[in-house]
Amino acid sequence: MALMIPIISIIMGIGIGMLGMYLGFRKRKELLTCYHQERMAAIEKGIDCPPWPDSLLADEDAQPSPRRHLLKGLVWLFIGLAAGVAVYATVDFRRALFGLIPVGIGLAHLIYYAVEGRREAEVAERAAAAPRT
């Protein structure tokens, strides 16, 4: 029975990743099918076809949010603080110092956001607000 735990965890880990990829593929396929049916109905009725949305053709991971470093920084920072406080409250101070690792990662993301991320966010917001030609 003890031998089954690592085998099941490996299978479940790989299976969940594969399921996520399959569901993303299926969602995109159904969305493309719906747009295709809409365009075919417009062609049959003699109406001009609506343009394809840019978000449909673009890769979802190609344009991440410019504020992603702010979110990642806050998450890592508070995970590190919570882990450090929890270990300090139950064990000792020396082991609680390992909580500084995620705190450092969080601070690095926040510093990057303070230096570069705000500029990236402002450029992205101006680009989104600009009228398309």
N, C-alpha and C. Protein backbone atom coordinates (compact mmCIF):
# COMPACT_ATOMS: atom_id res chain seq x y z
N MET A 1 0.82 -1.19 0.00
CA MET A 1 0.00 0.00 0.00
C MET A 1 0.87 1.26 0.00
N ALA A 2 1.96 1.26 0.76
CA ALA A 2 2.82 2.44 0.82
C ALA A 2 3.50 2.70 -0.52
N LEU A 3 3.67 1.67 -1.33
CA LEU A 3 4.28 1.82 -2.64
C LEU A 3 3.34 2.51 -3.63
N MET A 4 2.05 2.44 -3.39
CA MET A 4 1.07 3.01 -4.30
C MET A 4 1.01 4.54 -4.20
N ILE A 5 1.38 5.11 -3.07
CA ILE A 5 1.27 6.56 -2.88
C ILE A 5 2.12 7.34 -3.89
N PRO A 6 3.42 7.03 -4.07
CA PRO A 6 4.18 7.79 -5.06
C PRO A 6 3.71 7.53 -6.49
N ILE A 7 3.31 6.32 -6.77
CA ILE A 7 2.85 6.00 -8.12
C ILE A 7 1.58 6.79 -8.43
N ILE A 8 0.64 6.80 -7.51
CA ILE A 8 -0.61 7.52 -7.72
C ILE A 8 -0.35 9.02 -7.81
N SER A 9 0.54 9.56 -6.98
CA SER A 9 0.80 10.99 -7.03
C SER A 9 1.45 11.41 -8.34
N ILE A 10 2.33 10.58 -8.88
CA ILE A 10 2.94 10.90 -10.17
C ILE A 10 1.90 10.84 -11.28
N ILE A 11 1.09 9.80 -11.28
CA ILE A 11 0.05 9.66 -12.30
C ILE A 11 -0.94 10.81 -12.21
N MET A 12 -1.36 11.17 -10.98
CA MET A 12 -2.32 12.27 -10.83
C MET A 12 -1.69 13.61 -11.24
N GLY A 13 -0.42 13.83 -10.91
CA GLY A 13 0.23 15.08 -11.30
C GLY A 13 0.30 15.25 -12.81
N ILE A 14 0.70 14.18 -13.48
CA ILE A 14 0.77 14.23 -14.95
C ILE A 14 -0.63 14.31 -15.54
N GLY A 15 -1.56 13.56 -14.96
CA GLY A 15 -2.94 13.55 -15.46
C GLY A 15 -3.62 14.89 -15.34
N ILE A 16 -3.40 15.60 -14.24
CA ILE A 16 -4.02 16.91 -14.08
C ILE A 16 -3.46 17.90 -15.10
N GLY A 17 -2.15 17.83 -15.34
CA GLY A 17 -1.57 18.69 -16.37
C GLY A 17 -2.11 18.40 -17.75
N MET A 18 -2.23 17.12 -18.07
CA MET A 18 -2.78 16.75 -19.37
C MET A 18 -4.24 17.15 -19.49
N LEU A 19 -5.01 17.01 -18.42
CA LEU A 19 -6.41 17.41 -18.44
C LEU A 19 -6.54 18.90 -18.67
N GLY A 20 -5.70 19.70 -18.03
CA GLY A 20 -5.72 21.15 -18.24
C GLY A 20 -5.42 21.52 -19.68
N MET A 21 -4.43 20.85 -20.27
CA MET A 21 -4.11 21.13 -21.68
C MET A 21 -5.26 20.72 -22.59
N TYR A 22 -5.88 19.57 -22.33
CA TYR A 22 -6.99 19.11 -23.16
C TYR A 22 -8.18 20.04 -23.05
N LEU A 23 -8.51 20.48 -21.84
CA LEU A 23 -9.66 21.37 -21.68
C LEU A 23 -9.42 22.72 -22.34
N GLY A 24 -8.20 23.23 -22.30
CA GLY A 24 -7.87 24.47 -23.01
C GLY A 24 -8.00 24.31 -24.51
N PHE A 25 -7.52 23.17 -25.04
CA PHE A 25 -7.65 22.89 -26.46
C PHE A 25 -9.12 22.80 -26.86
N ARG A 26 -9.91 22.09 -26.06
CA ARG A 26 -11.33 21.92 -26.39
C ARG A 26 -12.08 23.25 -26.34
N LYS A 27 -11.76 24.08 -25.39
CA LYS A 27 -12.40 25.40 -25.29
C LYS A 27 -12.10 26.24 -26.53
N ARG A 28 -10.82 26.24 -26.92
CA ARG A 28 -10.43 27.02 -28.10
C ARG A 28 -11.08 26.47 -29.37
N LYS A 29 -11.17 25.15 -29.47
CA LYS A 29 -11.79 24.53 -30.65
C LYS A 29 -13.27 24.88 -30.74
N GLU A 30 -13.98 24.82 -29.62
CA GLU A 30 -15.40 25.16 -29.62
C GLU A 30 -15.62 26.64 -29.94
N LEU A 31 -14.75 27.49 -29.45
CA LEU A 31 -14.86 28.92 -29.74
C LEU A 31 -14.64 29.20 -31.23
N LEU A 32 -13.65 28.54 -31.80
CA LEU A 32 -13.41 28.71 -33.24
C LEU A 32 -14.57 28.16 -34.06
N THR A 33 -15.17 27.06 -33.62
CA THR A 33 -16.33 26.50 -34.31
C THR A 33 -17.50 27.46 -34.27
N CYS A 34 -17.74 28.10 -33.13
CA CYS A 34 -18.83 29.06 -33.02
C CYS A 34 -18.61 30.26 -33.95
N TYR A 35 -17.40 30.79 -33.99
CA TYR A 35 -17.11 31.91 -34.88
C TYR A 35 -17.24 31.49 -36.35
N HIS A 36 -16.83 30.27 -36.66
CA HIS A 36 -16.95 29.79 -38.03
C HIS A 36 -18.42 29.70 -38.43
N GLN A 37 -19.26 29.15 -37.56
CA GLN A 37 -20.68 29.04 -37.86
C GLN A 37 -21.31 30.43 -38.03
N GLU A 38 -20.89 31.38 -37.21
CA GLU A 38 -21.40 32.74 -37.33
C GLU A 38 -21.02 33.35 -38.66
N ARG A 39 -19.78 33.14 -39.07
CA ARG A 39 -19.33 33.68 -40.35
C ARG A 39 -20.03 33.01 -41.53
N MET A 40 -20.24 31.69 -41.44
CA MET A 40 -20.94 30.99 -42.53
C MET A 40 -22.39 31.46 -42.64
N ALA A 41 -23.05 31.70 -41.50
CA ALA A 41 -24.43 32.20 -41.54
C ALA A 41 -24.46 33.60 -42.14
N ALA A 42 -23.48 34.43 -41.84
CA ALA A 42 -23.42 35.77 -42.41
C ALA A 42 -23.20 35.70 -43.92
N ILE A 43 -22.36 34.79 -44.38
CA ILE A 43 -22.10 34.64 -45.81
C ILE A 43 -23.36 34.17 -46.53
N GLU A 44 -24.08 33.22 -45.95
CA GLU A 44 -25.30 32.70 -46.56
C GLU A 44 -26.37 33.79 -46.68
N LYS A 45 -26.44 34.70 -45.72
CA LYS A 45 -27.43 35.77 -45.76
C LYS A 45 -26.97 36.97 -46.56
N GLY A 46 -25.72 36.95 -47.02
CA GLY A 46 -25.18 38.05 -47.80
C GLY A 46 -24.75 39.24 -46.98
N ILE A 47 -24.51 39.03 -45.73
CA ILE A 47 -24.08 40.10 -44.83
C ILE A 47 -22.55 40.08 -44.77
N ASP A 48 -21.97 41.27 -44.57
CA ASP A 48 -20.51 41.33 -44.40
C ASP A 48 -20.13 40.55 -43.15
N CYS A 49 -19.05 39.80 -43.29
CA CYS A 49 -18.57 38.98 -42.17
C CYS A 49 -17.98 39.87 -41.09
N PRO A 50 -18.32 39.61 -39.85
CA PRO A 50 -17.67 40.37 -38.77
C PRO A 50 -16.20 39.99 -38.69
N PRO A 51 -15.36 40.93 -38.32
CA PRO A 51 -13.92 40.62 -38.25
C PRO A 51 -13.63 39.67 -37.09
N TRP A 52 -12.55 38.91 -37.27
CA TRP A 52 -12.12 38.01 -36.19
C TRP A 52 -11.57 38.86 -35.06
N PRO A 53 -11.95 38.56 -33.83
CA PRO A 53 -11.37 39.30 -32.70
C PRO A 53 -9.88 38.98 -32.57
N ASP A 54 -9.10 39.99 -32.20
CA ASP A 54 -7.66 39.79 -32.04
C ASP A 54 -7.35 38.79 -30.93
N SER A 55 -8.17 38.78 -29.90
CA SER A 55 -7.92 37.87 -28.78
C SER A 55 -8.14 36.42 -29.17
N LEU A 56 -8.96 36.18 -30.19
CA LEU A 56 -9.22 34.81 -30.62
C LEU A 56 -8.01 34.22 -31.34
N LEU A 57 -7.36 35.02 -32.14
CA LEU A 57 -6.23 34.52 -32.91
C LEU A 57 -4.91 34.58 -32.14
N ALA A 58 -4.85 35.44 -31.13
CA ALA A 58 -3.61 35.58 -30.37
C ALA A 58 -3.49 34.44 -29.36
N ASP A 59 -2.27 34.09 -29.05
CA ASP A 59 -2.01 33.09 -28.03
C ASP A 59 -2.29 33.70 -26.67
N GLU A 60 -2.95 32.97 -25.79
CA GLU A 60 -3.33 33.51 -24.49
C GLU A 60 -2.10 33.86 -23.64
N ASP A 61 -1.02 33.12 -23.77
CA ASP A 61 0.16 33.34 -22.96
C ASP A 61 1.10 34.37 -23.58
N ALA A 62 0.82 34.82 -24.80
CA ALA A 62 1.74 35.73 -25.48
C ALA A 62 1.70 37.13 -24.87
N GLN A 63 0.56 37.58 -24.37
CA GLN A 63 0.42 38.91 -23.83
C GLN A 63 0.04 38.87 -22.35
N PRO A 64 0.95 38.54 -21.47
CA PRO A 64 0.59 38.52 -20.05
C PRO A 64 0.37 39.93 -19.53
N SER A 65 -0.34 40.03 -18.45
CA SER A 65 -0.65 41.32 -17.86
C SER A 65 0.62 42.00 -17.38
N PRO A 66 0.75 43.30 -17.61
CA PRO A 66 1.94 43.99 -17.13
C PRO A 66 1.99 44.07 -15.60
N ARG A 67 0.87 43.89 -14.95
CA ARG A 67 0.82 43.95 -13.48
C ARG A 67 1.08 42.59 -12.84
N ARG A 68 1.52 41.62 -13.62
CA ARG A 68 1.74 40.27 -13.09
C ARG A 68 2.81 40.25 -12.01
N HIS A 69 3.81 41.13 -12.11
CA HIS A 69 4.88 41.15 -11.11
C HIS A 69 4.38 41.70 -9.77
N LEU A 70 3.42 42.61 -9.81
CA LEU A 70 2.85 43.11 -8.56
C LEU A 70 2.12 41.99 -7.84
N LEU A 71 1.30 41.24 -8.55
CA LEU A 71 0.56 40.13 -7.94
C LEU A 71 1.51 39.05 -7.45
N LYS A 72 2.46 38.64 -8.29
CA LYS A 72 3.41 37.61 -7.88
C LYS A 72 4.22 38.05 -6.67
N GLY A 73 4.64 39.31 -6.66
CA GLY A 73 5.42 39.82 -5.55
C GLY A 73 4.64 39.80 -4.24
N LEU A 74 3.39 40.22 -4.29
CA LEU A 74 2.58 40.21 -3.08
C LEU A 74 2.31 38.79 -2.60
N VAL A 75 2.04 37.88 -3.52
CA VAL A 75 1.77 36.49 -3.13
C VAL A 75 3.01 35.88 -2.48
N TRP A 76 4.17 35.99 -3.12
CA TRP A 76 5.40 35.42 -2.55
C TRP A 76 5.74 36.05 -1.21
N LEU A 77 5.58 37.38 -1.12
CA LEU A 77 5.90 38.07 0.12
C LEU A 77 5.05 37.56 1.28
N PHE A 78 3.76 37.45 1.07
CA PHE A 78 2.89 37.03 2.17
C PHE A 78 3.00 35.54 2.46
N ILE A 79 3.31 34.73 1.45
CA ILE A 79 3.58 33.31 1.72
C ILE A 79 4.83 33.18 2.60
N GLY A 80 5.87 33.92 2.27
CA GLY A 80 7.09 33.88 3.08
C GLY A 80 6.87 34.36 4.49
N LEU A 81 6.12 35.45 4.63
CA LEU A 81 5.84 35.96 5.98
C LEU A 81 5.00 34.96 6.78
N ALA A 82 3.98 34.40 6.15
CA ALA A 82 3.13 33.43 6.86
C ALA A 82 3.93 32.19 7.25
N ALA A 83 4.77 31.69 6.34
CA ALA A 83 5.57 30.50 6.65
C ALA A 83 6.57 30.81 7.76
N GLY A 84 7.21 31.96 7.72
CA GLY A 84 8.16 32.32 8.76
C GLY A 84 7.51 32.46 10.13
N VAL A 85 6.35 33.10 10.16
CA VAL A 85 5.64 33.26 11.44
C VAL A 85 5.16 31.91 11.96
N ALA A 86 4.64 31.06 11.06
CA ALA A 86 4.15 29.75 11.49
C ALA A 86 5.27 28.89 12.04
N VAL A 87 6.41 28.87 11.38
CA VAL A 87 7.53 28.06 11.86
C VAL A 87 8.09 28.65 13.14
N TYR A 88 8.18 29.97 13.23
CA TYR A 88 8.70 30.61 14.45
C TYR A 88 7.80 30.32 15.64
N ALA A 89 6.49 30.30 15.40
CA ALA A 89 5.55 30.07 16.50
C ALA A 89 5.59 28.63 16.99
N THR A 90 5.94 27.70 16.11
CA THR A 90 5.90 26.28 16.49
C THR A 90 7.28 25.69 16.78
N VAL A 91 8.32 26.12 16.09
CA VAL A 91 9.62 25.47 16.23
C VAL A 91 10.63 26.43 16.87
N ASP A 92 11.38 27.13 16.05
CA ASP A 92 12.35 28.08 16.58
C ASP A 92 12.72 29.13 15.54
N PHE A 93 13.50 30.11 15.97
CA PHE A 93 13.82 31.24 15.12
C PHE A 93 14.73 30.86 13.96
N ARG A 94 15.68 29.98 14.19
CA ARG A 94 16.65 29.63 13.14
C ARG A 94 15.96 28.95 11.96
N ARG A 95 15.00 28.10 12.22
CA ARG A 95 14.28 27.44 11.13
C ARG A 95 13.30 28.41 10.45
N ALA A 96 12.84 29.38 11.18
CA ALA A 96 11.91 30.36 10.62
C ALA A 96 12.60 31.26 9.60
N LEU A 97 13.92 31.31 9.62
CA LEU A 97 14.64 32.14 8.64
C LEU A 97 14.48 31.63 7.22
N PHE A 98 14.09 30.37 7.05
CA PHE A 98 13.85 29.87 5.69
C PHE A 98 12.66 30.58 5.05
N GLY A 99 11.82 31.20 5.84
CA GLY A 99 10.72 32.00 5.30
C GLY A 99 11.21 33.23 4.56
N LEU A 100 12.49 33.59 4.77
CA LEU A 100 13.04 34.75 4.07
C LEU A 100 13.27 34.48 2.58
N ILE A 101 13.34 33.22 2.19
CA ILE A 101 13.55 32.90 0.78
C ILE A 101 12.36 33.37 -0.06
N PRO A 102 11.11 32.94 0.26
CA PRO A 102 10.00 33.47 -0.53
C PRO A 102 9.78 34.98 -0.33
N VAL A 103 10.15 35.49 0.84
CA VAL A 103 10.05 36.93 1.05
C VAL A 103 10.98 37.66 0.08
N GLY A 104 12.19 37.14 -0.10
CA GLY A 104 13.13 37.73 -1.04
C GLY A 104 12.64 37.67 -2.48
N ILE A 105 12.04 36.55 -2.85
CA ILE A 105 11.49 36.43 -4.20
C ILE A 105 10.37 37.45 -4.39
N GLY A 106 9.51 37.57 -3.38
CA GLY A 106 8.42 38.54 -3.46
C GLY A 106 8.93 39.97 -3.56
N LEU A 107 9.95 40.29 -2.76
CA LEU A 107 10.51 41.64 -2.83
C LEU A 107 11.16 41.91 -4.18
N ALA A 108 11.78 40.90 -4.78
CA ALA A 108 12.37 41.08 -6.11
C ALA A 108 11.29 41.40 -7.14
N HIS A 109 10.17 40.69 -7.08
CA HIS A 109 9.06 41.00 -8.01
C HIS A 109 8.52 42.41 -7.76
N LEU A 110 8.38 42.80 -6.50
CA LEU A 110 7.86 44.13 -6.20
C LEU A 110 8.82 45.23 -6.64
N ILE A 111 10.12 45.01 -6.46
CA ILE A 111 11.11 45.99 -6.92
C ILE A 111 11.08 46.11 -8.44
N TYR A 112 10.98 44.97 -9.13
CA TYR A 112 10.89 45.02 -10.59
C TYR A 112 9.65 45.79 -11.02
N TYR A 113 8.53 45.52 -10.33
CA TYR A 113 7.30 46.23 -10.69
C TYR A 113 7.46 47.73 -10.45
N ALA A 114 8.10 48.10 -9.34
CA ALA A 114 8.29 49.52 -9.04
C ALA A 114 9.18 50.20 -10.08
N VAL A 115 10.16 49.47 -10.59
CA VAL A 115 11.11 50.06 -11.54
C VAL A 115 10.57 50.02 -12.98
N GLU A 116 10.15 48.85 -13.45
CA GLU A 116 9.76 48.68 -14.85
C GLU A 116 8.28 48.42 -15.06
N GLY A 117 7.65 47.75 -14.12
CA GLY A 117 6.27 47.29 -14.32
C GLY A 117 5.27 48.41 -14.48
N ARG A 118 5.42 49.49 -13.74
CA ARG A 118 4.48 50.61 -13.87
C ARG A 118 4.53 51.20 -15.27
N ARG A 119 5.73 51.33 -15.80
CA ARG A 119 5.86 51.87 -17.16
C ARG A 119 5.21 50.94 -18.17
N GLU A 120 5.43 49.63 -18.02
CA GLU A 120 4.81 48.65 -18.91
C GLU A 120 3.29 48.71 -18.79
N ALA A 121 2.76 48.85 -17.57
CA ALA A 121 1.31 48.91 -17.37
C ALA A 121 0.73 50.16 -18.02
N GLU A 122 1.42 51.30 -17.89
CA GLU A 122 0.92 52.53 -18.50
C GLU A 122 0.92 52.43 -20.02
N VAL A 123 1.96 51.84 -20.60
CA VAL A 123 2.02 51.67 -22.05
C VAL A 123 0.91 50.75 -22.52
N ALA A 124 0.66 49.67 -21.79
CA ALA A 124 -0.40 48.73 -22.17
C ALA A 124 -1.78 49.37 -22.05
N GLU A 125 -1.99 50.18 -21.01
CA GLU A 125 -3.27 50.83 -20.85
C GLU A 125 -3.50 51.86 -21.94
N ARG A 126 -2.45 52.61 -22.32
CA ARG A 126 -2.58 53.59 -23.42
C ARG A 126 -2.88 52.87 -24.74
N ALA A 127 -2.22 51.73 -24.95
CA ALA A 127 -2.45 50.98 -26.19
C ALA A 127 -3.88 50.42 -26.23
N ALA A 128 -4.40 50.00 -25.09
CA ALA A 128 -5.76 49.46 -25.06
C ALA A 128 -6.78 50.58 -25.24
N ALA A 129 -6.48 51.78 -24.75
CA ALA A 129 -7.42 52.89 -24.84
C ALA A 129 -7.39 53.58 -26.22
N ALA A 130 -6.30 53.41 -26.96
CA ALA A 130 -6.18 54.05 -28.26
C ALA A 130 -7.16 53.44 -29.25
N PRO A 131 -7.82 54.27 -30.04
CA PRO A 131 -8.77 53.73 -31.02
C PRO A 131 -8.03 53.00 -32.14
N ARG A 132 -8.61 51.91 -32.57
CA ARG A 132 -8.01 51.12 -33.66
C ARG A 132 -8.44 51.69 -35.00
N THR A 133 -7.53 51.60 -35.96
CA THR A 133 -7.85 52.09 -37.30
C THR A 133 -8.01 50.94 -38.25
